[in-house]
N, C-alpha and C. Protein backbone atom coordinates (compact mmCIF):
# COMPACT_ATOMS: atom_id res chain seq x y z
N MET A 1 26.85 13.32 16.97
CA MET A 1 26.45 11.95 16.54
C MET A 1 25.68 11.76 15.23
N THR A 2 26.28 10.84 14.25
CA THR A 2 25.93 10.90 13.02
C THR A 2 24.55 9.97 12.85
N ARG A 3 23.91 10.11 12.06
CA ARG A 3 22.42 9.37 11.98
C ARG A 3 22.91 8.29 10.85
N ALA A 4 22.58 7.09 11.07
CA ALA A 4 22.86 6.12 10.08
C ALA A 4 21.89 6.15 8.78
N ARG A 5 22.42 5.88 7.73
CA ARG A 5 21.79 5.97 6.45
C ARG A 5 20.92 5.00 6.30
N PRO A 6 19.65 4.84 5.93
CA PRO A 6 18.64 4.13 5.85
C PRO A 6 18.97 2.88 4.71
N ASP A 7 19.10 1.69 4.95
CA ASP A 7 19.67 0.96 3.88
C ASP A 7 19.11 0.91 2.87
N SER A 8 19.48 0.98 1.39
CA SER A 8 18.79 1.01 0.15
C SER A 8 18.10 -0.30 -0.05
N THR A 9 18.35 -1.46 0.15
CA THR A 9 17.27 -2.49 0.12
C THR A 9 16.28 -2.17 0.79
N ASP A 10 16.32 -1.87 2.27
CA ASP A 10 15.02 -1.23 2.93
C ASP A 10 14.08 -0.53 2.38
N ARG A 11 14.56 0.54 1.93
CA ARG A 11 13.97 1.42 1.26
C ARG A 11 13.40 1.06 0.01
N TRP A 12 14.13 0.21 -0.94
CA TRP A 12 13.36 -0.15 -2.16
C TRP A 12 12.36 -1.01 -1.77
N SER A 13 12.42 -2.18 -0.73
CA SER A 13 11.31 -2.88 -0.24
C SER A 13 9.96 -1.94 0.32
N GLN A 14 10.24 -0.88 0.72
CA GLN A 14 9.28 0.08 1.20
C GLN A 14 8.55 0.42 0.25
N GLU A 15 9.41 1.01 -1.03
CA GLU A 15 8.73 1.50 -2.25
C GLU A 15 7.79 0.32 -3.05
N PHE A 16 8.40 -0.71 -3.08
CA PHE A 16 7.93 -1.80 -3.92
C PHE A 16 6.58 -2.14 -3.28
N GLY A 17 6.58 -2.34 -1.61
CA GLY A 17 5.35 -2.78 -1.08
C GLY A 17 4.21 -1.64 -1.01
N ALA A 18 4.76 -0.20 -0.99
CA ALA A 18 3.77 0.63 -1.50
C ALA A 18 3.08 0.80 -2.73
N ARG A 19 3.85 0.37 -3.63
CA ARG A 19 3.38 0.09 -4.94
C ARG A 19 2.56 -1.05 -5.16
N LEU A 20 3.00 -2.26 -4.86
CA LEU A 20 2.13 -3.49 -4.74
C LEU A 20 0.75 -2.98 -4.17
N ARG A 21 0.63 -2.65 -3.04
CA ARG A 21 -0.61 -2.22 -2.37
C ARG A 21 -1.49 -1.25 -3.29
N GLU A 22 -0.68 -0.28 -3.89
CA GLU A 22 -1.73 0.60 -4.78
C GLU A 22 -1.84 -0.08 -5.85
N ILE A 23 -1.22 -0.94 -6.56
CA ILE A 23 -1.96 -1.70 -7.67
C ILE A 23 -3.13 -2.43 -7.21
N ARG A 24 -3.00 -2.99 -6.35
CA ARG A 24 -3.85 -4.25 -5.84
C ARG A 24 -4.92 -3.51 -5.34
N LEU A 25 -5.14 -2.37 -4.83
CA LEU A 25 -6.28 -1.73 -4.48
C LEU A 25 -6.86 -1.03 -5.88
N ALA A 26 -6.14 -0.56 -6.63
CA ALA A 26 -6.70 -0.02 -7.91
C ALA A 26 -7.10 -1.06 -8.48
N ARG A 27 -6.92 -2.39 -8.40
CA ARG A 27 -7.70 -3.70 -8.97
C ARG A 27 -9.04 -3.97 -8.32
N GLY A 28 -8.97 -3.54 -7.28
CA GLY A 28 -10.19 -3.72 -6.36
C GLY A 28 -10.03 -5.13 -5.33
N MET A 29 -8.65 -5.64 -5.43
CA MET A 29 -8.51 -6.78 -5.01
C MET A 29 -8.16 -6.71 -3.35
N SER A 30 -8.44 -7.81 -2.57
CA SER A 30 -8.07 -8.01 -1.31
C SER A 30 -6.76 -8.50 -1.25
N GLN A 31 -5.99 -8.56 -0.01
CA GLN A 31 -4.84 -9.31 0.00
C GLN A 31 -5.27 -10.88 -0.21
N ARG A 32 -6.26 -11.16 0.32
CA ARG A 32 -6.74 -12.77 0.23
C ARG A 32 -6.90 -13.32 -1.35
N GLU A 33 -7.62 -12.02 -2.02
CA GLU A 33 -7.84 -12.64 -3.54
C GLU A 33 -6.68 -12.42 -4.22
N LEU A 34 -5.79 -11.68 -3.81
CA LEU A 34 -4.32 -11.51 -4.46
C LEU A 34 -3.70 -12.95 -4.21
N SER A 35 -3.54 -13.35 -2.99
CA SER A 35 -2.99 -14.72 -2.72
C SER A 35 -3.83 -15.63 -3.38
N MET A 36 -5.10 -15.84 -3.72
CA MET A 36 -5.61 -16.99 -4.31
C MET A 36 -5.37 -16.96 -5.97
N ALA A 37 -5.02 -15.72 -6.11
CA ALA A 37 -4.75 -15.66 -7.82
C ALA A 37 -3.42 -16.06 -8.25
N CYS A 38 -2.43 -16.39 -7.11
CA CYS A 38 -1.10 -16.61 -7.38
C CYS A 38 -0.68 -17.98 -6.21
N THR A 39 0.52 -18.23 -6.01
CA THR A 39 0.80 -19.14 -4.86
C THR A 39 1.36 -18.58 -3.93
N LEU A 40 1.23 -17.52 -3.51
CA LEU A 40 1.71 -16.56 -2.39
C LEU A 40 0.79 -16.56 -1.43
N SER A 41 1.15 -16.73 0.08
CA SER A 41 0.21 -16.73 0.92
C SER A 41 -0.20 -15.02 1.16
N GLN A 42 -1.40 -15.14 2.01
CA GLN A 42 -2.06 -13.85 2.40
C GLN A 42 -0.67 -13.02 3.31
N PRO A 43 -0.24 -13.82 4.27
CA PRO A 43 0.89 -13.10 5.27
C PRO A 43 2.00 -12.68 4.52
N PHE A 44 2.50 -13.32 3.13
CA PHE A 44 3.61 -12.89 2.72
C PHE A 44 3.20 -11.57 1.80
N ILE A 45 2.20 -11.76 1.02
CA ILE A 45 1.54 -10.29 0.65
C ILE A 45 1.49 -9.30 1.50
N SER A 46 1.02 -9.38 2.73
CA SER A 46 1.08 -8.53 3.65
C SER A 46 2.42 -7.76 4.23
N ASP A 47 3.50 -8.83 4.25
CA ASP A 47 4.70 -8.64 4.50
C ASP A 47 5.57 -7.62 3.44
N ALA A 48 5.19 -8.18 2.29
CA ALA A 48 5.73 -7.41 0.90
C ALA A 48 5.11 -5.81 0.96
N GLU A 49 3.95 -5.75 0.94
CA GLU A 49 3.32 -4.49 1.11
C GLU A 49 3.96 -3.55 2.52
N GLN A 50 4.27 -4.23 3.47
CA GLN A 50 4.83 -3.43 4.65
C GLN A 50 6.35 -3.27 4.30
N GLY A 51 6.86 -3.69 3.47
CA GLY A 51 8.51 -3.88 3.14
C GLY A 51 9.28 -4.61 4.20
N ARG A 52 8.49 -5.77 4.50
CA ARG A 52 9.19 -6.72 5.63
C ARG A 52 10.12 -7.98 4.85
N THR A 53 9.82 -7.79 3.68
CA THR A 53 10.44 -9.04 2.88
C THR A 53 10.80 -8.27 1.38
N ASN A 54 11.99 -9.04 0.91
CA ASN A 54 12.74 -8.71 -0.39
C ASN A 54 12.30 -9.81 -1.47
N PRO A 55 11.46 -9.40 -2.17
CA PRO A 55 10.63 -10.71 -3.11
C PRO A 55 11.78 -10.90 -4.19
N THR A 56 11.67 -12.15 -4.82
CA THR A 56 12.85 -12.44 -5.85
C THR A 56 11.97 -12.08 -7.26
N LEU A 57 12.95 -12.10 -8.32
CA LEU A 57 12.41 -11.82 -9.35
C LEU A 57 11.18 -12.77 -9.83
N ALA A 58 11.29 -14.13 -9.40
CA ALA A 58 9.94 -14.88 -9.81
C ALA A 58 8.92 -14.45 -9.07
N THR A 59 8.97 -14.01 -7.90
CA THR A 59 7.88 -13.54 -7.00
C THR A 59 7.37 -12.15 -7.72
N ILE A 60 8.19 -11.60 -8.27
CA ILE A 60 7.55 -10.02 -8.72
C ILE A 60 6.83 -10.44 -10.18
N ARG A 61 7.26 -11.42 -10.99
CA ARG A 61 6.80 -11.87 -12.03
C ARG A 61 5.24 -12.31 -11.52
N GLU A 62 5.18 -13.21 -10.50
CA GLU A 62 3.94 -13.96 -10.20
C GLU A 62 2.96 -12.96 -9.73
N LEU A 63 3.47 -11.96 -8.91
CA LEU A 63 2.55 -11.00 -8.46
C LEU A 63 2.04 -10.05 -9.51
N ALA A 64 2.97 -9.54 -10.59
CA ALA A 64 2.48 -9.01 -11.80
C ALA A 64 1.22 -9.61 -12.69
N ASP A 65 1.70 -11.33 -12.90
CA ASP A 65 0.74 -11.74 -13.73
C ASP A 65 -0.51 -11.67 -12.97
N ALA A 66 -0.68 -12.02 -11.68
CA ALA A 66 -1.94 -12.07 -10.95
C ALA A 66 -2.69 -10.87 -10.63
N LEU A 67 -1.99 -9.49 -10.86
CA LEU A 67 -2.47 -8.41 -11.13
C LEU A 67 -2.88 -7.64 -12.42
N GLY A 68 -2.19 -8.50 -13.38
CA GLY A 68 -2.31 -8.22 -14.88
C GLY A 68 -1.49 -6.84 -15.21
N VAL A 69 -0.61 -6.75 -14.88
CA VAL A 69 0.57 -5.55 -15.04
C VAL A 69 1.75 -6.14 -15.49
N VAL A 70 2.64 -5.42 -16.15
CA VAL A 70 4.06 -5.90 -16.39
C VAL A 70 4.51 -5.96 -15.30
N PRO A 71 5.74 -6.56 -15.12
CA PRO A 71 6.50 -6.82 -13.75
C PRO A 71 7.18 -5.21 -13.68
N SER A 72 7.70 -4.38 -14.59
CA SER A 72 8.12 -3.43 -14.26
C SER A 72 7.10 -2.25 -13.64
N ALA A 73 5.88 -2.60 -13.62
CA ALA A 73 4.65 -1.67 -13.22
C ALA A 73 5.12 -1.76 -11.43
N LEU A 74 5.45 -2.99 -11.05
CA LEU A 74 5.55 -2.81 -9.58
C LEU A 74 6.78 -2.42 -9.14
N LEU A 75 8.00 -1.99 -9.97
CA LEU A 75 9.13 -1.47 -9.75
C LEU A 75 9.12 0.02 -9.74
N ALA A 76 8.24 0.66 -10.32
CA ALA A 76 8.09 1.86 -10.62
C ALA A 76 7.50 2.80 -9.45
N SER A 77 7.68 4.20 -9.42
CA SER A 77 7.38 4.79 -8.25
C SER A 77 5.97 5.02 -8.24
N SER A 78 5.20 5.42 -7.22
CA SER A 78 3.84 5.38 -7.03
C SER A 78 3.17 6.38 -8.09
N SER A 79 3.92 7.47 -8.55
CA SER A 79 3.21 8.25 -9.28
C SER A 79 3.22 8.22 -10.82
N SER A 80 3.72 6.65 -11.12
CA SER A 80 4.13 6.18 -12.62
C SER A 80 2.70 5.64 -13.17
N PRO A 81 2.19 5.76 -14.15
CA PRO A 81 0.93 5.13 -14.46
C PRO A 81 1.20 3.72 -14.54
N ILE A 82 -0.02 2.80 -14.30
CA ILE A 82 0.27 1.46 -14.50
C ILE A 82 0.21 0.90 -15.80
N ASP A 83 1.18 0.17 -15.93
CA ASP A 83 1.26 -0.63 -17.50
C ASP A 83 0.55 -1.92 -17.53
N LEU A 84 -0.62 -2.02 -17.91
CA LEU A 84 -1.46 -3.18 -18.11
C LEU A 84 -0.73 -4.11 -19.01
N VAL A 85 -0.80 -5.61 -18.85
CA VAL A 85 -0.48 -6.47 -19.75
C VAL A 85 -1.10 -6.50 -20.99
N GLY A 86 -0.39 -6.65 -22.06
CA GLY A 86 -1.23 -6.79 -23.36
C GLY A 86 -2.50 -6.18 -23.64
């Protein structure tokens, strides 16, 4: 019996969610505070952090702006330093 390989989209969503949570917590923000800083709902942010959604580029940009980081910071591995905006 062969094991199914995890879908790369699922793995990417999990990694993105972990990085989003890491940066949010580093900023001392709750999910609710982050949702209030952008137009995204708290349940969406929760789903994103748990890898249950695949955010669009516009959503990634909005989250990055609300967190004060460059969008690529949300796409980096969790061991990467957090790049701040300007």
